Amino acid sequence: MDRHPILRCCVAWLALVFLPAAVYAQWDPTGRLGLSAAPDSYIDTIAPDIGEPFTLYVILTGMSADEPLAFNLQSVEWVIHTVCCGDSPVGVTELLTAPGFVTEGDPYESLASLTDLCPGGDTVHLATATFEWLLEGESEFFLSAGSITGALDCDEEGHLLQTITVLVSGQDPAPVEGTTWTGIKALFTGEGDSP
């Protein structure tokens, strides 16, 4: 004879109600990883001169500007990519690992950043990437660094990460103002306006 059928039903009901919520909570992102125009916060736009090298920062940050990272980082795997369509008009020419990190791999295939410092707080700076222009024609596009497998915290627990992007809005370099012979001569004779 079964003495606790009501108790078993309650336990089964609680498992059906709360287990999916617990499983779903494990799949909620707890941080954002990507490129930024600043190393210590998420700045989503950069306007470099077309043809000139420019720098972006790989960062890990909280889910919003006023929310710190929810964990202390031990390791993360990531990759740099163009968002959406076609070939990137720029390419990574130099990747400098942030102090306290060891980063190995290829920026277009897979990079692993490891540290034993367990950084956390508002923003964790992982690396600095220098980009150079490779193709002509495209001057406005999105770049990002996305997480491949999520991140591990210092307790070896996994965290899913959202991806953050930077809008690169290339600007035509300002034309250099020509100096006339009269202006140059005036510098030496003291006549007229100096250029």
N, C-alpha and C. Protein backbone atom coordinates (compact mmCIF):
# COMPACT_ATOMS: atom_id res chain seq x y z
N MET A 1 0.83 -1.18 0.00
CA MET A 1 0.00 0.00 0.00
C MET A 1 0.88 1.25 0.00
N ASP A 2 0.54 2.18 -0.85
CA ASP A 2 1.30 3.40 -1.02
C ASP A 2 0.82 4.43 0.00
N ARG A 3 1.74 4.86 0.89
CA ARG A 3 1.34 5.76 1.97
C ARG A 3 1.43 7.24 1.59
N HIS A 4 2.21 7.59 0.56
CA HIS A 4 2.44 9.00 0.26
C HIS A 4 2.14 9.35 -1.19
N PRO A 5 0.98 9.01 -1.72
CA PRO A 5 0.71 9.34 -3.12
C PRO A 5 0.58 10.85 -3.34
N ILE A 6 0.04 11.58 -2.36
CA ILE A 6 -0.11 13.02 -2.52
C ILE A 6 1.26 13.69 -2.52
N LEU A 7 2.16 13.23 -1.63
CA LEU A 7 3.50 13.78 -1.57
C LEU A 7 4.24 13.56 -2.89
N ARG A 8 4.11 12.34 -3.45
CA ARG A 8 4.77 12.06 -4.73
C ARG A 8 4.20 12.92 -5.85
N CYS A 9 2.91 13.14 -5.86
CA CYS A 9 2.29 14.01 -6.87
C CYS A 9 2.79 15.44 -6.74
N CYS A 10 2.91 15.92 -5.49
CA CYS A 10 3.41 17.28 -5.27
C CYS A 10 4.85 17.41 -5.75
N VAL A 11 5.69 16.43 -5.45
CA VAL A 11 7.08 16.47 -5.88
C VAL A 11 7.17 16.45 -7.40
N ALA A 12 6.36 15.60 -8.05
CA ALA A 12 6.35 15.53 -9.51
C ALA A 12 5.88 16.85 -10.10
N TRP A 13 4.85 17.44 -9.51
CA TRP A 13 4.34 18.71 -10.01
C TRP A 13 5.39 19.82 -9.86
N LEU A 14 6.06 19.88 -8.69
CA LEU A 14 7.10 20.88 -8.47
C LEU A 14 8.25 20.71 -9.46
N ALA A 15 8.60 19.45 -9.73
CA ALA A 15 9.67 19.20 -10.70
C ALA A 15 9.29 19.69 -12.08
N LEU A 16 8.04 19.47 -12.48
CA LEU A 16 7.59 19.91 -13.80
C LEU A 16 7.53 21.43 -13.91
N VAL A 17 7.21 22.09 -12.80
CA VAL A 17 7.09 23.54 -12.82
C VAL A 17 8.47 24.22 -12.74
N PHE A 18 9.33 23.79 -11.82
CA PHE A 18 10.56 24.50 -11.55
C PHE A 18 11.77 24.01 -12.33
N LEU A 19 11.81 22.77 -12.77
CA LEU A 19 12.95 22.26 -13.51
C LEU A 19 13.14 22.98 -14.84
N PRO A 20 12.07 23.18 -15.64
CA PRO A 20 12.30 23.93 -16.88
C PRO A 20 12.80 25.35 -16.64
N ALA A 21 12.34 25.99 -15.58
CA ALA A 21 12.82 27.35 -15.27
C ALA A 21 14.30 27.32 -14.91
N ALA A 22 14.72 26.30 -14.15
CA ALA A 22 16.12 26.18 -13.77
C ALA A 22 16.99 25.90 -14.99
N VAL A 23 16.52 25.02 -15.88
CA VAL A 23 17.27 24.72 -17.10
C VAL A 23 17.34 25.96 -17.98
N TYR A 24 16.22 26.67 -18.13
CA TYR A 24 16.19 27.88 -18.96
C TYR A 24 17.14 28.94 -18.41
N ALA A 25 17.23 29.05 -17.09
CA ALA A 25 18.10 30.07 -16.47
C ALA A 25 19.56 29.82 -16.84
N GLN A 26 19.95 28.55 -17.04
CA GLN A 26 21.32 28.25 -17.42
C GLN A 26 21.63 28.76 -18.82
N TRP A 27 20.63 29.00 -19.63
CA TRP A 27 20.84 29.42 -21.01
C TRP A 27 20.67 30.93 -21.18
N ASP A 28 20.42 31.65 -20.12
CA ASP A 28 20.36 33.11 -20.19
C ASP A 28 21.78 33.67 -20.19
N PRO A 29 22.10 34.58 -21.12
CA PRO A 29 23.44 35.19 -21.11
C PRO A 29 23.67 35.97 -19.82
N THR A 30 24.90 35.94 -19.33
CA THR A 30 25.26 36.67 -18.11
C THR A 30 26.30 37.75 -18.39
N GLY A 31 26.69 37.91 -19.64
CA GLY A 31 27.65 38.93 -20.02
C GLY A 31 27.63 39.14 -21.52
N ARG A 32 28.37 40.16 -21.96
CA ARG A 32 28.47 40.47 -23.39
C ARG A 32 29.94 40.53 -23.78
N LEU A 33 30.26 39.93 -24.92
CA LEU A 33 31.62 39.94 -25.43
C LEU A 33 31.61 40.53 -26.83
N GLY A 34 32.60 41.34 -27.15
CA GLY A 34 32.66 41.88 -28.50
C GLY A 34 33.72 42.95 -28.62
N LEU A 35 33.60 43.73 -29.69
CA LEU A 35 34.52 44.82 -29.94
C LEU A 35 33.93 46.13 -29.44
N SER A 36 34.82 47.04 -29.05
CA SER A 36 34.43 48.35 -28.57
C SER A 36 35.45 49.37 -29.05
N ALA A 37 35.04 50.61 -29.16
CA ALA A 37 35.97 51.69 -29.49
C ALA A 37 36.76 52.15 -28.27
N ALA A 38 36.47 51.60 -27.08
CA ALA A 38 37.19 51.95 -25.85
C ALA A 38 37.53 50.66 -25.09
N PRO A 39 38.66 50.63 -24.36
CA PRO A 39 39.03 49.42 -23.64
C PRO A 39 38.32 49.22 -22.31
N ASP A 40 37.69 50.28 -21.79
CA ASP A 40 37.12 50.18 -20.44
C ASP A 40 35.61 50.33 -20.39
N SER A 41 34.95 50.41 -21.55
CA SER A 41 33.49 50.48 -21.62
C SER A 41 33.07 50.17 -23.05
N TYR A 42 31.77 49.93 -23.23
CA TYR A 42 31.28 49.60 -24.57
C TYR A 42 30.92 50.88 -25.32
N ILE A 43 31.69 51.21 -26.33
CA ILE A 43 31.42 52.32 -27.26
C ILE A 43 31.17 51.67 -28.61
N ASP A 44 29.98 51.90 -29.18
CA ASP A 44 29.53 51.10 -30.32
C ASP A 44 29.80 51.68 -31.70
N THR A 45 30.54 52.79 -31.82
CA THR A 45 30.79 53.40 -33.12
C THR A 45 32.22 53.93 -33.19
N ILE A 46 32.83 53.78 -34.36
CA ILE A 46 34.14 54.38 -34.61
C ILE A 46 34.11 54.95 -36.03
N ALA A 47 34.79 56.08 -36.24
CA ALA A 47 34.78 56.75 -37.54
C ALA A 47 36.21 57.00 -38.00
N PRO A 48 36.92 55.94 -38.42
CA PRO A 48 38.30 56.12 -38.87
C PRO A 48 38.36 56.68 -40.28
N ASP A 49 39.51 57.25 -40.64
CA ASP A 49 39.74 57.66 -42.02
C ASP A 49 39.90 56.42 -42.89
N ILE A 50 39.24 56.41 -44.03
CA ILE A 50 39.36 55.28 -44.95
C ILE A 50 40.81 55.17 -45.40
N GLY A 51 41.35 53.97 -45.34
CA GLY A 51 42.74 53.73 -45.73
C GLY A 51 43.72 53.81 -44.58
N GLU A 52 43.31 54.37 -43.44
CA GLU A 52 44.21 54.49 -42.28
C GLU A 52 43.93 53.37 -41.28
N PRO A 53 44.98 52.80 -40.66
CA PRO A 53 44.75 51.77 -39.63
C PRO A 53 43.93 52.34 -38.47
N PHE A 54 43.17 51.47 -37.81
CA PHE A 54 42.42 51.88 -36.62
C PHE A 54 42.42 50.76 -35.60
N THR A 55 42.12 51.11 -34.36
CA THR A 55 42.20 50.18 -33.24
C THR A 55 40.83 49.97 -32.62
N LEU A 56 40.53 48.71 -32.30
CA LEU A 56 39.35 48.35 -31.52
C LEU A 56 39.79 47.43 -30.39
N TYR A 57 38.93 47.33 -29.37
CA TYR A 57 39.27 46.58 -28.17
C TYR A 57 38.29 45.42 -27.99
N VAL A 58 38.82 44.26 -27.66
CA VAL A 58 37.98 43.11 -27.35
C VAL A 58 37.68 43.19 -25.85
N ILE A 59 36.39 43.28 -25.52
CA ILE A 59 36.00 43.44 -24.12
C ILE A 59 34.94 42.43 -23.73
N LEU A 60 34.85 42.20 -22.44
CA LEU A 60 33.80 41.40 -21.82
C LEU A 60 33.16 42.31 -20.78
N THR A 61 31.84 42.47 -20.83
CA THR A 61 31.18 43.44 -19.96
C THR A 61 29.82 42.92 -19.51
N GLY A 62 29.16 43.67 -18.64
CA GLY A 62 27.84 43.28 -18.13
C GLY A 62 26.77 43.38 -19.21
N MET A 63 25.57 43.01 -18.85
CA MET A 63 24.47 42.95 -19.81
C MET A 63 23.94 44.32 -20.20
N SER A 64 24.30 45.37 -19.48
CA SER A 64 23.91 46.73 -19.85
C SER A 64 24.99 47.67 -19.33
N ALA A 65 24.91 48.93 -19.76
CA ALA A 65 25.93 49.91 -19.40
C ALA A 65 26.05 50.12 -17.90
N ASP A 66 24.95 49.96 -17.17
CA ASP A 66 24.99 50.20 -15.72
C ASP A 66 25.02 48.91 -14.92
N GLU A 67 25.35 47.81 -15.56
CA GLU A 67 25.37 46.51 -14.88
C GLU A 67 26.76 45.89 -15.02
N PRO A 68 27.44 45.59 -13.90
CA PRO A 68 28.76 44.98 -13.99
C PRO A 68 28.67 43.52 -14.47
N LEU A 69 29.80 42.99 -14.87
CA LEU A 69 29.89 41.59 -15.26
C LEU A 69 29.48 40.73 -14.07
N ALA A 70 28.68 39.70 -14.33
CA ALA A 70 28.08 38.90 -13.26
C ALA A 70 29.01 37.81 -12.72
N PHE A 71 30.22 37.71 -13.23
CA PHE A 71 31.13 36.66 -12.77
C PHE A 71 32.57 37.13 -12.95
N ASN A 72 33.50 36.39 -12.34
CA ASN A 72 34.93 36.65 -12.50
C ASN A 72 35.48 35.67 -13.52
N LEU A 73 36.16 36.18 -14.53
CA LEU A 73 36.56 35.39 -15.69
C LEU A 73 37.82 34.56 -15.43
N GLN A 74 37.76 33.30 -15.92
CA GLN A 74 38.94 32.46 -15.98
C GLN A 74 39.39 32.25 -17.42
N SER A 75 38.43 31.93 -18.32
CA SER A 75 38.78 31.71 -19.72
C SER A 75 37.57 31.95 -20.61
N VAL A 76 37.88 32.27 -21.88
CA VAL A 76 36.82 32.45 -22.87
C VAL A 76 37.43 32.20 -24.25
N GLU A 77 36.64 31.58 -25.13
CA GLU A 77 37.05 31.39 -26.52
C GLU A 77 36.24 32.33 -27.38
N TRP A 78 36.91 32.98 -28.35
CA TRP A 78 36.23 33.98 -29.16
C TRP A 78 36.88 34.07 -30.53
N VAL A 79 36.21 34.81 -31.42
CA VAL A 79 36.68 34.98 -32.79
C VAL A 79 36.24 36.36 -33.28
N ILE A 80 37.04 36.99 -34.15
CA ILE A 80 36.68 38.28 -34.74
C ILE A 80 35.99 38.03 -36.08
N HIS A 81 34.91 38.75 -36.34
CA HIS A 81 34.20 38.57 -37.60
C HIS A 81 33.46 39.84 -38.03
N THR A 82 33.15 39.87 -39.32
CA THR A 82 32.29 40.93 -39.86
C THR A 82 30.86 40.49 -39.68
N VAL A 83 30.01 41.39 -39.25
CA VAL A 83 28.60 41.06 -39.06
C VAL A 83 27.90 41.15 -40.40
N CYS A 84 27.14 40.14 -40.72
CA CYS A 84 26.34 40.05 -41.94
C CYS A 84 27.15 39.60 -43.13
N CYS A 85 27.16 40.38 -44.16
CA CYS A 85 27.31 39.81 -45.49
C CYS A 85 28.65 40.15 -46.16
N GLY A 86 29.17 39.20 -46.89
CA GLY A 86 30.34 39.45 -47.72
C GLY A 86 31.65 39.48 -46.97
N ASP A 87 32.71 39.75 -47.73
CA ASP A 87 34.05 39.83 -47.15
C ASP A 87 34.21 41.14 -46.39
N SER A 88 35.05 41.08 -45.37
CA SER A 88 35.33 42.29 -44.60
C SER A 88 36.25 43.20 -45.38
N PRO A 89 35.96 44.49 -45.43
CA PRO A 89 36.88 45.42 -46.10
C PRO A 89 38.14 45.70 -45.29
N VAL A 90 38.19 45.21 -44.05
CA VAL A 90 39.36 45.40 -43.21
C VAL A 90 39.82 44.04 -42.66
N GLY A 91 41.06 44.00 -42.22
CA GLY A 91 41.59 42.78 -41.62
C GLY A 91 42.45 43.10 -40.42
N VAL A 92 42.59 42.14 -39.52
CA VAL A 92 43.42 42.30 -38.33
C VAL A 92 44.88 42.16 -38.73
N THR A 93 45.67 43.19 -38.43
CA THR A 93 47.10 43.13 -38.72
C THR A 93 47.93 42.94 -37.46
N GLU A 94 47.34 43.26 -36.31
CA GLU A 94 48.07 43.08 -35.05
C GLU A 94 47.06 42.83 -33.94
N LEU A 95 47.38 41.87 -33.08
CA LEU A 95 46.52 41.57 -31.93
C LEU A 95 47.40 41.52 -30.69
N LEU A 96 47.17 42.45 -29.77
CA LEU A 96 47.94 42.52 -28.54
C LEU A 96 47.08 42.03 -27.38
N THR A 97 47.56 41.06 -26.66
CA THR A 97 46.85 40.52 -25.51
C THR A 97 46.93 41.50 -24.34
N ALA A 98 45.82 41.68 -23.64
CA ALA A 98 45.80 42.58 -22.48
C ALA A 98 46.67 42.01 -21.36
N PRO A 99 47.24 42.88 -20.52
CA PRO A 99 48.07 42.41 -19.40
C PRO A 99 47.30 41.43 -18.51
N GLY A 100 47.98 40.37 -18.09
CA GLY A 100 47.37 39.37 -17.21
C GLY A 100 46.71 38.23 -17.96
N PHE A 101 46.65 38.30 -19.29
CA PHE A 101 46.02 37.25 -20.09
C PHE A 101 47.05 36.56 -20.97
N VAL A 102 46.76 35.30 -21.28
CA VAL A 102 47.47 34.56 -22.31
C VAL A 102 46.42 34.27 -23.37
N THR A 103 46.70 34.66 -24.61
CA THR A 103 45.76 34.44 -25.71
C THR A 103 46.47 33.68 -26.81
N GLU A 104 45.86 32.58 -27.24
CA GLU A 104 46.45 31.75 -28.29
C GLU A 104 45.41 31.46 -29.35
N GLY A 105 45.87 31.36 -30.60
CA GLY A 105 44.99 30.98 -31.69
C GLY A 105 45.02 31.99 -32.82
N ASP A 106 44.03 31.89 -33.69
CA ASP A 106 43.90 32.74 -34.87
C ASP A 106 42.65 33.59 -34.71
N PRO A 107 42.75 34.92 -34.97
CA PRO A 107 41.60 35.79 -34.73
C PRO A 107 40.39 35.49 -35.60
N TYR A 108 40.57 34.77 -36.72
CA TYR A 108 39.45 34.47 -37.60
C TYR A 108 38.92 33.05 -37.43
N GLU A 109 39.64 32.21 -36.69
CA GLU A 109 39.20 30.83 -36.49
C GLU A 109 38.81 30.56 -35.05
N SER A 110 39.72 30.80 -34.12
CA SER A 110 39.42 30.59 -32.70
C SER A 110 40.58 31.11 -31.87
N LEU A 111 40.26 31.91 -30.87
CA LEU A 111 41.23 32.39 -29.91
C LEU A 111 40.77 31.99 -28.51
N ALA A 112 41.70 31.59 -27.67
CA ALA A 112 41.38 31.29 -26.27
C ALA A 112 42.15 32.26 -25.39
N SER A 113 41.44 32.99 -24.56
CA SER A 113 42.05 33.91 -23.60
C SER A 113 41.92 33.31 -22.21
N LEU A 114 43.06 33.16 -21.52
CA LEU A 114 43.11 32.54 -20.20
C LEU A 114 43.79 33.48 -19.22
N THR A 115 43.34 33.44 -17.96
CA THR A 115 43.97 34.23 -16.91
C THR A 115 43.78 33.53 -15.57
N ASP A 116 44.71 33.77 -14.67
CA ASP A 116 44.55 33.26 -13.30
C ASP A 116 44.27 34.41 -12.33
N LEU A 117 44.01 35.61 -12.87
CA LEU A 117 43.73 36.77 -12.03
C LEU A 117 42.26 36.90 -11.65
N CYS A 118 41.37 36.17 -12.32
CA CYS A 118 39.93 36.21 -12.06
C CYS A 118 39.37 37.64 -12.11
N PRO A 119 39.59 38.37 -13.22
CA PRO A 119 39.06 39.73 -13.29
C PRO A 119 37.55 39.75 -13.40
N GLY A 120 36.96 40.83 -12.94
CA GLY A 120 35.51 41.03 -13.02
C GLY A 120 35.24 42.52 -13.04
N GLY A 121 34.11 42.91 -12.50
CA GLY A 121 33.78 44.33 -12.45
C GLY A 121 33.00 44.78 -13.66
N ASP A 122 33.17 46.05 -14.03
CA ASP A 122 32.38 46.62 -15.13
C ASP A 122 32.78 46.06 -16.49
N THR A 123 34.07 46.11 -16.81
CA THR A 123 34.54 45.70 -18.13
C THR A 123 35.90 45.02 -17.99
N VAL A 124 36.07 43.89 -18.68
CA VAL A 124 37.34 43.18 -18.73
C VAL A 124 37.90 43.36 -20.15
N HIS A 125 39.09 43.92 -20.24
CA HIS A 125 39.76 44.13 -21.53
C HIS A 125 40.58 42.87 -21.84
N LEU A 126 40.25 42.19 -22.96
CA LEU A 126 40.92 40.95 -23.33
C LEU A 126 42.08 41.17 -24.30
N ALA A 127 41.90 42.04 -25.28
CA ALA A 127 42.93 42.23 -26.31
C ALA A 127 42.68 43.54 -27.05
N THR A 128 43.70 43.98 -27.77
CA THR A 128 43.62 45.17 -28.62
C THR A 128 43.93 44.74 -30.05
N ALA A 129 43.02 45.06 -30.97
CA ALA A 129 43.18 44.66 -32.37
C ALA A 129 43.39 45.88 -33.25
N THR A 130 44.40 45.82 -34.10
CA THR A 130 44.63 46.85 -35.10
C THR A 130 44.12 46.33 -36.44
N PHE A 131 43.33 47.15 -37.11
CA PHE A 131 42.74 46.79 -38.40
C PHE A 131 43.32 47.68 -39.50
N GLU A 132 43.49 47.09 -40.69
CA GLU A 132 43.87 47.86 -41.87
C GLU A 132 42.88 47.57 -42.98
N TRP A 133 42.69 48.56 -43.86
CA TRP A 133 41.75 48.45 -44.97
C TRP A 133 42.32 47.51 -46.03
N LEU A 134 41.49 46.59 -46.51
CA LEU A 134 41.90 45.63 -47.53
C LEU A 134 41.17 45.83 -48.86
N LEU A 135 39.90 46.22 -48.79
CA LEU A 135 39.06 46.35 -49.98
C LEU A 135 38.53 47.76 -50.11
N GLU A 136 38.32 48.19 -51.32
CA GLU A 136 37.72 49.50 -51.57
C GLU A 136 36.22 49.34 -51.78
N GLY A 137 35.50 50.41 -51.59
CA GLY A 137 34.07 50.40 -51.88
C GLY A 137 33.19 50.37 -50.65
N GLU A 138 33.53 49.56 -49.66
CA GLU A 138 32.74 49.48 -48.44
C GLU A 138 33.31 50.43 -47.41
N SER A 139 32.49 51.33 -46.90
CA SER A 139 32.99 52.26 -45.89
C SER A 139 32.17 52.22 -44.60
N GLU A 140 31.04 51.50 -44.60
CA GLU A 140 30.23 51.39 -43.39
C GLU A 140 29.82 49.94 -43.20
N PHE A 141 30.20 49.37 -42.06
CA PHE A 141 29.96 47.96 -41.79
C PHE A 141 30.10 47.72 -40.29
N PHE A 142 29.69 46.53 -39.85
CA PHE A 142 29.78 46.15 -38.44
C PHE A 142 30.88 45.12 -38.25
N LEU A 143 31.65 45.27 -37.18
CA LEU A 143 32.64 44.28 -36.78
C LEU A 143 32.30 43.80 -35.38
N SER A 144 32.70 42.57 -35.08
CA SER A 144 32.44 42.05 -33.75
C SER A 144 33.49 41.01 -33.37
N ALA A 145 33.49 40.66 -32.11
CA ALA A 145 34.23 39.51 -31.59
C ALA A 145 33.20 38.70 -30.83
N GLY A 146 32.93 37.50 -31.30
CA GLY A 146 31.89 36.70 -30.68
C GLY A 146 32.45 35.52 -29.92
N SER A 147 31.76 35.15 -28.87
CA SER A 147 32.13 34.00 -28.07
C SER A 147 31.84 32.72 -28.84
N ILE A 148 32.74 31.75 -28.77
CA ILE A 148 32.54 30.47 -29.45
C ILE A 148 31.87 29.46 -28.51
N THR A 149 32.38 29.34 -27.30
CA THR A 149 31.86 28.32 -26.37
C THR A 149 31.33 28.90 -25.07
N GLY A 150 31.24 30.20 -24.95
CA GLY A 150 30.88 30.80 -23.68
C GLY A 150 32.15 31.03 -22.86
N ALA A 151 31.98 31.36 -21.60
CA ALA A 151 33.11 31.66 -20.72
C ALA A 151 33.06 30.77 -19.50
N LEU A 152 34.22 30.54 -18.91
CA LEU A 152 34.31 29.84 -17.63
C LEU A 152 34.70 30.85 -16.57
N ASP A 153 34.01 30.77 -15.42
CA ASP A 153 34.40 31.64 -14.31
C ASP A 153 35.42 30.92 -13.44
N CYS A 154 35.83 31.55 -12.37
CA CYS A 154 36.88 30.98 -11.52
C CYS A 154 36.42 29.81 -10.68
N ASP A 155 35.12 29.50 -10.72
CA ASP A 155 34.60 28.29 -10.07
C ASP A 155 34.33 27.20 -11.09
N GLU A 156 34.85 27.39 -12.32
CA GLU A 156 34.69 26.43 -13.43
C GLU A 156 33.24 26.31 -13.90
N GLU A 157 32.43 27.31 -13.64
CA GLU A 157 31.06 27.30 -14.14
C GLU A 157 30.99 28.04 -15.46
N GLY A 158 30.13 27.54 -16.37
CA GLY A 158 30.01 28.12 -17.69
C GLY A 158 29.01 29.27 -17.74
N HIS A 159 29.25 30.21 -18.65
CA HIS A 159 28.37 31.36 -18.84
C HIS A 159 28.19 31.62 -20.33
N LEU A 160 26.95 31.76 -20.77
CA LEU A 160 26.68 32.16 -22.14
C LEU A 160 26.86 33.66 -22.26
N LEU A 161 27.29 34.10 -23.44
CA LEU A 161 27.57 35.52 -23.66
C LEU A 161 26.84 36.03 -24.89
N GLN A 162 26.29 37.22 -24.78
CA GLN A 162 25.76 37.91 -25.96
C GLN A 162 26.92 38.54 -26.72
N THR A 163 26.68 38.85 -27.99
CA THR A 163 27.70 39.48 -28.81
C THR A 163 27.39 40.97 -28.96
N ILE A 164 28.42 41.78 -28.82
CA ILE A 164 28.27 43.22 -29.05
C ILE A 164 29.11 43.61 -30.27
N THR A 165 28.61 44.58 -31.03
CA THR A 165 29.24 44.96 -32.29
C THR A 165 29.64 46.43 -32.28
N VAL A 166 30.50 46.77 -33.22
CA VAL A 166 30.91 48.15 -33.44
C VAL A 166 30.57 48.52 -34.88
N LEU A 167 29.93 49.67 -35.06
CA LEU A 167 29.69 50.22 -36.38
C LEU A 167 30.93 50.99 -36.81
N VAL A 168 31.56 50.52 -37.89
CA VAL A 168 32.70 51.23 -38.46
C VAL A 168 32.15 52.11 -39.57
N SER A 169 32.29 53.41 -39.40
CA SER A 169 31.78 54.37 -40.38
C SER A 169 32.98 55.13 -40.94
N GLY A 170 33.56 54.58 -42.02
CA GLY A 170 34.76 55.15 -42.60
C GLY A 170 34.52 56.53 -43.17
N GLN A 171 35.46 57.42 -42.92
CA GLN A 171 35.36 58.81 -43.37
C GLN A 171 36.41 59.06 -44.44
N ASP A 172 36.05 59.85 -45.47
CA ASP A 172 37.05 60.27 -46.44
C ASP A 172 38.03 61.19 -45.73
N PRO A 173 39.32 60.93 -45.90
CA PRO A 173 40.31 61.81 -45.23
C PRO A 173 40.13 63.25 -45.70
N ALA A 174 40.31 64.17 -44.79
CA ALA A 174 40.19 65.60 -45.12
C ALA A 174 41.30 65.97 -46.09
N PRO A 175 40.98 66.69 -47.17
CA PRO A 175 42.03 67.09 -48.11
C PRO A 175 43.02 68.04 -47.44
N VAL A 176 44.27 67.88 -47.79
CA VAL A 176 45.30 68.76 -47.24
C VAL A 176 45.22 70.09 -47.98
N GLU A 177 45.13 71.17 -47.22
CA GLU A 177 45.01 72.49 -47.82
C GLU A 177 46.34 72.88 -48.46
N GLY A 178 46.28 73.22 -49.74
CA GLY A 178 47.49 73.58 -50.47
C GLY A 178 48.07 74.90 -49.99
N THR A 179 49.37 75.01 -50.06
CA THR A 179 50.04 76.24 -49.70
C THR A 179 50.52 76.90 -50.98
N THR A 180 50.18 78.15 -51.18
CA THR A 180 50.58 78.86 -52.41
C THR A 180 51.99 79.41 -52.25
N TRP A 181 52.62 79.67 -53.40
CA TRP A 181 53.96 80.25 -53.40
C TRP A 181 53.95 81.63 -52.75
N THR A 182 52.87 82.35 -52.94
CA THR A 182 52.76 83.68 -52.32
C THR A 182 52.74 83.57 -50.80
N GLY A 183 52.04 82.56 -50.30
CA GLY A 183 51.98 82.37 -48.85
C GLY A 183 53.32 82.00 -48.28
N ILE A 184 54.06 81.14 -49.00
CA ILE A 184 55.39 80.75 -48.52
C ILE A 184 56.33 81.96 -48.53
N LYS A 185 56.28 82.75 -49.61
CA LYS A 185 57.12 83.93 -49.72
C LYS A 185 56.81 84.94 -48.61
N ALA A 186 55.53 85.07 -48.24
CA ALA A 186 55.13 86.01 -47.21
C ALA A 186 55.71 85.64 -45.85
N LEU A 187 55.95 84.33 -45.64
CA LEU A 187 56.56 83.91 -44.37
C LEU A 187 57.95 84.50 -44.21
N PHE A 188 58.68 84.62 -45.32
CA PHE A 188 60.04 85.10 -45.25
C PHE A 188 60.15 86.62 -45.33
N THR A 189 59.19 87.25 -46.02
CA THR A 189 59.26 88.70 -46.18
C THR A 189 58.44 89.44 -45.15
N GLY A 190 57.56 88.71 -44.45
CA GLY A 190 56.71 89.34 -43.46
C GLY A 190 55.52 90.04 -44.05
N GLU A 191 55.24 89.85 -45.33
CA GLU A 191 54.12 90.48 -45.98
C GLU A 191 52.93 89.56 -46.00
N GLY A 192 51.76 90.11 -45.95
CA GLY A 192 50.54 89.33 -46.12
C GLY A 192 50.24 88.43 -44.94
N ASP A 193 49.18 87.64 -45.08
CA ASP A 193 48.78 86.71 -44.03
C ASP A 193 49.65 85.47 -44.11
N SER A 194 50.00 84.95 -42.96
CA SER A 194 50.72 83.67 -42.97
C SER A 194 49.72 82.56 -43.24
N PRO A 195 50.16 81.50 -43.93
CA PRO A 195 49.23 80.45 -44.28
C PRO A 195 48.80 79.65 -43.08
